[in-house]
Amino acid sequence: MNHLVALVCSLIYAFLGSDTSVPLKDDSLKLLIKNTSSSKAPIIVVAYAEEEHFLTEKGKVLQGQKQIANDTLEFVIDQLDPGTYALVVFEDLNENGLLDRNKLGIPQEPFGFSKAKMGLFGPPSFAKASFAFPQENAIEVQLKSL
């Protein structure tokens, strides 16, 4: 019987085509990252679930599946718990796992925030960068170099 089910599934897959896109699951976050450099540097995504931890070392680094579509890097992060999050995304050009900054604290690698842009006098607040997941399950981040 299991062979029959496998055969039927194979026929349906062959009939419908071999579309490689996977539908987004209920606990998945789709993150579209724009303006990445042409280097092969890793993209680091850090999630903050609490305002008092925003932009500290207490964020959680999210792992996800990556694929490039045109000029956009797409991350799909699975098994994300419901909640309010603010993301910091950066391109780790020297692959040290940190967002490098100069003596004034200005980032030296391309970076961006979920739902917000850099303010005139510093990074956005947690409130401006945060979003409610899973109500918002697709977020676009523009990386910027200063």
C-alpha atoms as a PDB file:
ATOM      1  CA  MET A   1       0.000   0.000   0.000  1.00  0.00           C
ATOM      2  CA  ASN A   2       2.848   2.406   0.815  1.00  0.00           C
ATOM      3  CA  HIS A   3       4.271   1.832  -2.663  1.00  0.00           C
ATOM      4  CA  LEU A   4       0.935   2.779  -4.204  1.00  0.00           C
ATOM      5  CA  VAL A   5       0.814   6.030  -2.193  1.00  0.00           C
ATOM      6  CA  ALA A   6       4.387   6.857  -3.228  1.00  0.00           C
ATOM      7  CA  LEU A   7       3.531   6.152  -6.881  1.00  0.00           C
ATOM      8  CA  VAL A   8       0.430   8.358  -6.766  1.00  0.00           C
ATOM      9  CA  CYS A   9       2.412  11.187  -5.105  1.00  0.00           C
ATOM     10  CA  SER A  10       5.115  10.860  -7.750  1.00  0.00           C
ATOM     11  CA  LEU A  11       2.563  11.064 -10.549  1.00  0.00           C
ATOM     12  CA  ILE A  12       0.908  14.129  -9.011  1.00  0.00           C
ATOM     13  CA  TYR A  13       4.317  15.798  -8.601  1.00  0.00           C
ATOM     14  CA  ALA A  14       5.213  15.003 -12.220  1.00  0.00           C
ATOM     15  CA  PHE A  15       1.848  16.234 -13.472  1.00  0.00           C
ATOM     16  CA  LEU A  16       1.940  19.519 -11.535  1.00  0.00           C
ATOM     17  CA  GLY A  17       5.554  20.219 -12.410  1.00  0.00           C
ATOM     18  CA  SER A  18       8.734  20.465 -10.438  1.00  0.00           C
ATOM     19  CA  ASP A  19       8.281  23.884  -8.885  1.00  0.00           C
ATOM     20  CA  THR A  20      11.101  24.214  -6.355  1.00  0.00           C
ATOM     21  CA  SER A  21       9.422  26.928  -4.297  1.00  0.00           C
ATOM     22  CA  VAL A  22       8.142  25.637  -1.005  1.00  0.00           C
ATOM     23  CA  PRO A  23       4.969  27.117   0.424  1.00  0.00           C
ATOM     24  CA  LEU A  24       5.535  29.140   3.576  1.00  0.00           C
ATOM     25  CA  LYS A  25       4.578  27.230   6.714  1.00  0.00           C
ATOM     26  CA  ASP A  26       2.590  28.856   9.516  1.00  0.00           C
ATOM     27  CA  ASP A  27       5.703  29.121  11.717  1.00  0.00           C
ATOM     28  CA  SER A  28       7.991  30.450   8.955  1.00  0.00           C
ATOM     29  CA  LEU A  29       9.266  33.962   8.400  1.00  0.00           C
ATOM     30  CA  LYS A  30      10.229  35.067   4.896  1.00  0.00           C
ATOM     31  CA  LEU A  31      12.975  37.673   4.962  1.00  0.00           C
ATOM     32  CA  LEU A  32      13.856  39.534   1.754  1.00  0.00           C
ATOM     33  CA  ILE A  33      17.254  41.217   1.946  1.00  0.00           C
ATOM     34  CA  LYS A  34      18.080  43.854  -0.667  1.00  0.00           C
ATOM     35  CA  ASN A  35      21.342  45.562  -1.669  1.00  0.00           C
ATOM     36  CA  THR A  36      23.748  42.816  -0.683  1.00  0.00           C
ATOM     37  CA  SER A  37      27.224  43.203  -2.100  1.00  0.00           C
ATOM     38  CA  SER A  38      28.556  40.808  -4.702  1.00  0.00           C
ATOM     39  CA  SER A  39      30.868  39.209  -2.142  1.00  0.00           C
ATOM     40  CA  LYS A  40      30.194  35.769  -0.746  1.00  0.00           C
ATOM     41  CA  ALA A  41      30.147  37.122   2.814  1.00  0.00           C
ATOM     42  CA  PRO A  42      27.635  35.557   5.189  1.00  0.00           C
ATOM     43  CA  ILE A  43      24.444  37.384   6.056  1.00  0.00           C
ATOM     44  CA  ILE A  44      23.761  37.437   9.796  1.00  0.00           C
ATOM     45  CA  VAL A  45      20.177  37.849  11.070  1.00  0.00           C
ATOM     46  CA  VAL A  46      19.752  38.709  14.755  1.00  0.00           C
ATOM     47  CA  ALA A  47      16.288  38.704  16.350  1.00  0.00           C
ATOM     48  CA  TYR A  48      15.335  40.651  19.443  1.00  0.00           C
ATOM     49  CA  ALA A  49      12.134  39.737  21.270  1.00  0.00           C
ATOM     50  CA  GLU A  50      12.497  42.229  24.121  1.00  0.00           C
ATOM     51  CA  GLU A  51      12.927  45.988  23.917  1.00  0.00           C
ATOM     52  CA  GLU A  52      15.509  46.131  26.691  1.00  0.00           C
ATOM     53  CA  HIS A  53      17.774  43.709  24.803  1.00  0.00           C
ATOM     54  CA  PHE A  54      17.530  45.504  21.437  1.00  0.00           C
ATOM     55  CA  LEU A  55      20.983  46.131  19.912  1.00  0.00           C
ATOM     56  CA  THR A  56      22.774  44.247  22.703  1.00  0.00           C
ATOM     57  CA  GLU A  57      24.511  40.885  22.605  1.00  0.00           C
ATOM     58  CA  LYS A  58      21.328  39.250  23.929  1.00  0.00           C
ATOM     59  CA  GLY A  59      19.755  38.843  20.494  1.00  0.00           C
ATOM     60  CA  LYS A  60      19.242  35.428  18.955  1.00  0.00           C
ATOM     61  CA  VAL A  61      21.030  34.629  15.682  1.00  0.00           C
ATOM     62  CA  LEU A  62      18.494  33.047  13.333  1.00  0.00           C
ATOM     63  CA  GLN A  63      19.461  30.320  10.915  1.00  0.00           C
ATOM     64  CA  GLY A  64      17.547  29.907   7.710  1.00  0.00           C
ATOM     65  CA  GLN A  65      17.597  28.599   4.174  1.00  0.00           C
ATOM     66  CA  LYS A  66      18.988  31.100   1.681  1.00  0.00           C
ATOM     67  CA  GLN A  67      18.397  31.542  -1.998  1.00  0.00           C
ATOM     68  CA  ILE A  68      19.122  34.413  -4.335  1.00  0.00           C
ATOM     69  CA  ALA A  69      16.357  35.755  -6.561  1.00  0.00           C
ATOM     70  CA  ASN A  70      17.536  38.563  -8.847  1.00  0.00           C
ATOM     71  CA  ASP A  71      19.147  41.212  -6.622  1.00  0.00           C
ATOM     72  CA  THR A  72      17.413  39.942  -3.488  1.00  0.00           C
ATOM     73  CA  LEU A  73      18.588  37.367  -1.003  1.00  0.00           C
ATOM     74  CA  GLU A  74      15.696  35.422   0.462  1.00  0.00           C
ATOM     75  CA  PHE A  75      15.861  33.788   3.890  1.00  0.00           C
ATOM     76  CA  VAL A  76      13.166  31.450   5.143  1.00  0.00           C
ATOM     77  CA  ILE A  77      13.355  30.977   8.891  1.00  0.00           C
ATOM     78  CA  ASP A  78      11.326  28.034  10.175  1.00  0.00           C
ATOM     79  CA  GLN A  79       9.921  27.282  13.607  1.00  0.00           C
ATOM     80  CA  LEU A  80       9.765  30.850  14.846  1.00  0.00           C
ATOM     81  CA  ASP A  81       7.620  31.273  17.936  1.00  0.00           C
ATOM     82  CA  PRO A  82       4.772  33.798  17.774  1.00  0.00           C
ATOM     83  CA  GLY A  83       5.710  37.156  19.236  1.00  0.00           C
ATOM     84  CA  THR A  84       6.994  40.649  18.600  1.00  0.00           C
ATOM     85  CA  TYR A  85      10.447  40.850  17.033  1.00  0.00           C
ATOM     86  CA  ALA A  86      12.894  43.444  15.767  1.00  0.00           C
ATOM     87  CA  LEU A  87      15.612  42.226  13.405  1.00  0.00           C
ATOM     88  CA  VAL A  88      19.110  43.457  12.733  1.00  0.00           C
ATOM     89  CA  VAL A  89      20.643  42.118   9.526  1.00  0.00           C
ATOM     90  CA  PHE A  90      24.228  42.637   8.422  1.00  0.00           C
ATOM     91  CA  GLU A  91      26.686  41.362   5.856  1.00  0.00           C
ATOM     92  CA  ASP A  92      29.676  39.965   7.734  1.00  0.00           C
ATOM     93  CA  LEU A  93      32.382  40.985   5.258  1.00  0.00           C
ATOM     94  CA  ASN A  94      35.314  39.811   7.383  1.00  0.00           C
ATOM     95  CA  GLU A  95      33.421  36.750   8.682  1.00  0.00           C
ATOM     96  CA  ASN A  96      34.084  37.421  12.363  1.00  0.00           C
ATOM     97  CA  GLY A  97      30.423  37.055  13.406  1.00  0.00           C
ATOM     98  CA  LEU A  98      30.195  40.672  14.579  1.00  0.00           C
ATOM     99  CA  LEU A  99      28.901  43.907  13.127  1.00  0.00           C
ATOM    100  CA  ASP A 100      32.163  45.840  13.030  1.00  0.00           C
ATOM    101  CA  ARG A 101      32.016  49.495  14.070  1.00  0.00           C
ATOM    102  CA  ASN A 102      34.452  52.378  14.041  1.00  0.00           C
ATOM    103  CA  LYS A 103      35.500  54.337  17.138  1.00  0.00           C
ATOM    104  CA  LEU A 104      32.304  56.384  16.987  1.00  0.00           C
ATOM    105  CA  GLY A 105      30.148  53.242  16.896  1.00  0.00           C
ATOM    106  CA  ILE A 106      29.207  53.634  13.232  1.00  0.00           C
ATOM    107  CA  PRO A 107      28.808  50.264  11.461  1.00  0.00           C
ATOM    108  CA  GLN A 108      31.562  49.441   8.966  1.00  0.00           C
ATOM    109  CA  GLU A 109      29.644  46.627   7.225  1.00  0.00           C
ATOM    110  CA  PRO A 110      26.348  46.749   5.313  1.00  0.00           C
ATOM    111  CA  PHE A 111      23.422  46.548   7.759  1.00  0.00           C
ATOM    112  CA  GLY A 112      19.686  47.040   8.021  1.00  0.00           C
ATOM    113  CA  PHE A 113      16.707  46.778  10.352  1.00  0.00           C
ATOM    114  CA  SER A 114      13.291  45.193  10.031  1.00  0.00           C
ATOM    115  CA  LYS A 115      10.610  47.765   9.148  1.00  0.00           C
ATOM    116  CA  ALA A 116      12.799  50.782   9.868  1.00  0.00           C
ATOM    117  CA  LYS A 117      15.659  52.813   8.507  1.00  0.00           C
ATOM    118  CA  MET A 118      18.598  54.308  10.308  1.00  0.00           C
ATOM    119  CA  GLY A 119      17.547  57.504  12.061  1.00  0.00           C
ATOM    120  CA  LEU A 120      19.295  60.843  11.737  1.00  0.00           C
ATOM    121  CA  PHE A 121      21.041  60.383  15.068  1.00  0.00           C
ATOM    122  CA  GLY A 122      21.349  56.617  15.339  1.00  0.00           C
ATOM    123  CA  PRO A 123      19.489  53.364  14.955  1.00  0.00           C
ATOM    124  CA  PRO A 124      15.698  53.125  15.101  1.00  0.00           C
ATOM    125  CA  SER A 125      13.934  52.251  18.335  1.00  0.00           C
ATOM    126  CA  PHE A 126      12.673  48.746  19.042  1.00  0.00           C
ATOM    127  CA  ALA A 127       9.108  50.030  18.516  1.00  0.00           C
ATOM    128  CA  LYS A 128       9.909  51.346  15.025  1.00  0.00           C
ATOM    129  CA  ALA A 129      11.792  48.194  13.959  1.00  0.00           C
ATOM    130  CA  SER A 130       9.464  45.604  15.491  1.00  0.00           C
ATOM    131  CA  PHE A 131       6.744  43.522  13.898  1.00  0.00           C
ATOM    132  CA  ALA A 132       4.166  41.016  15.145  1.00  0.00           C
ATOM    133  CA  PHE A 133       4.802  37.452  13.981  1.00  0.00           C
ATOM    134  CA  PRO A 134       2.960  35.498  12.514  1.00  0.00           C
ATOM    135  CA  GLN A 135       0.575  38.310  11.543  1.00  0.00           C
ATOM    136  CA  GLU A 136       3.482  39.754   9.565  1.00  0.00           C
ATOM    137  CA  ASN A 137       5.379  36.818   8.090  1.00  0.00           C
ATOM    138  CA  ALA A 138       7.229  38.508   5.216  1.00  0.00           C
ATOM    139  CA  ILE A 139       9.712  41.271   6.026  1.00  0.00           C
ATOM    140  CA  GLU A 140      11.944  43.249   3.659  1.00  0.00           C
ATOM    141  CA  VAL A 141      15.284  44.645   4.844  1.00  0.00           C
ATOM    142  CA  GLN A 142      17.390  47.150   2.902  1.00  0.00           C
ATOM    143  CA  LEU A 143      21.095  46.846   3.685  1.00  0.00           C
ATOM    144  CA  LYS A 144      22.947  50.125   3.811  1.00  0.00           C
ATOM    145  CA  SER A 145      26.616  51.060   4.073  1.00  0.00           C
ATOM    146  CA  LEU A 146      27.644  54.246   5.825  1.00  0.00           C
END
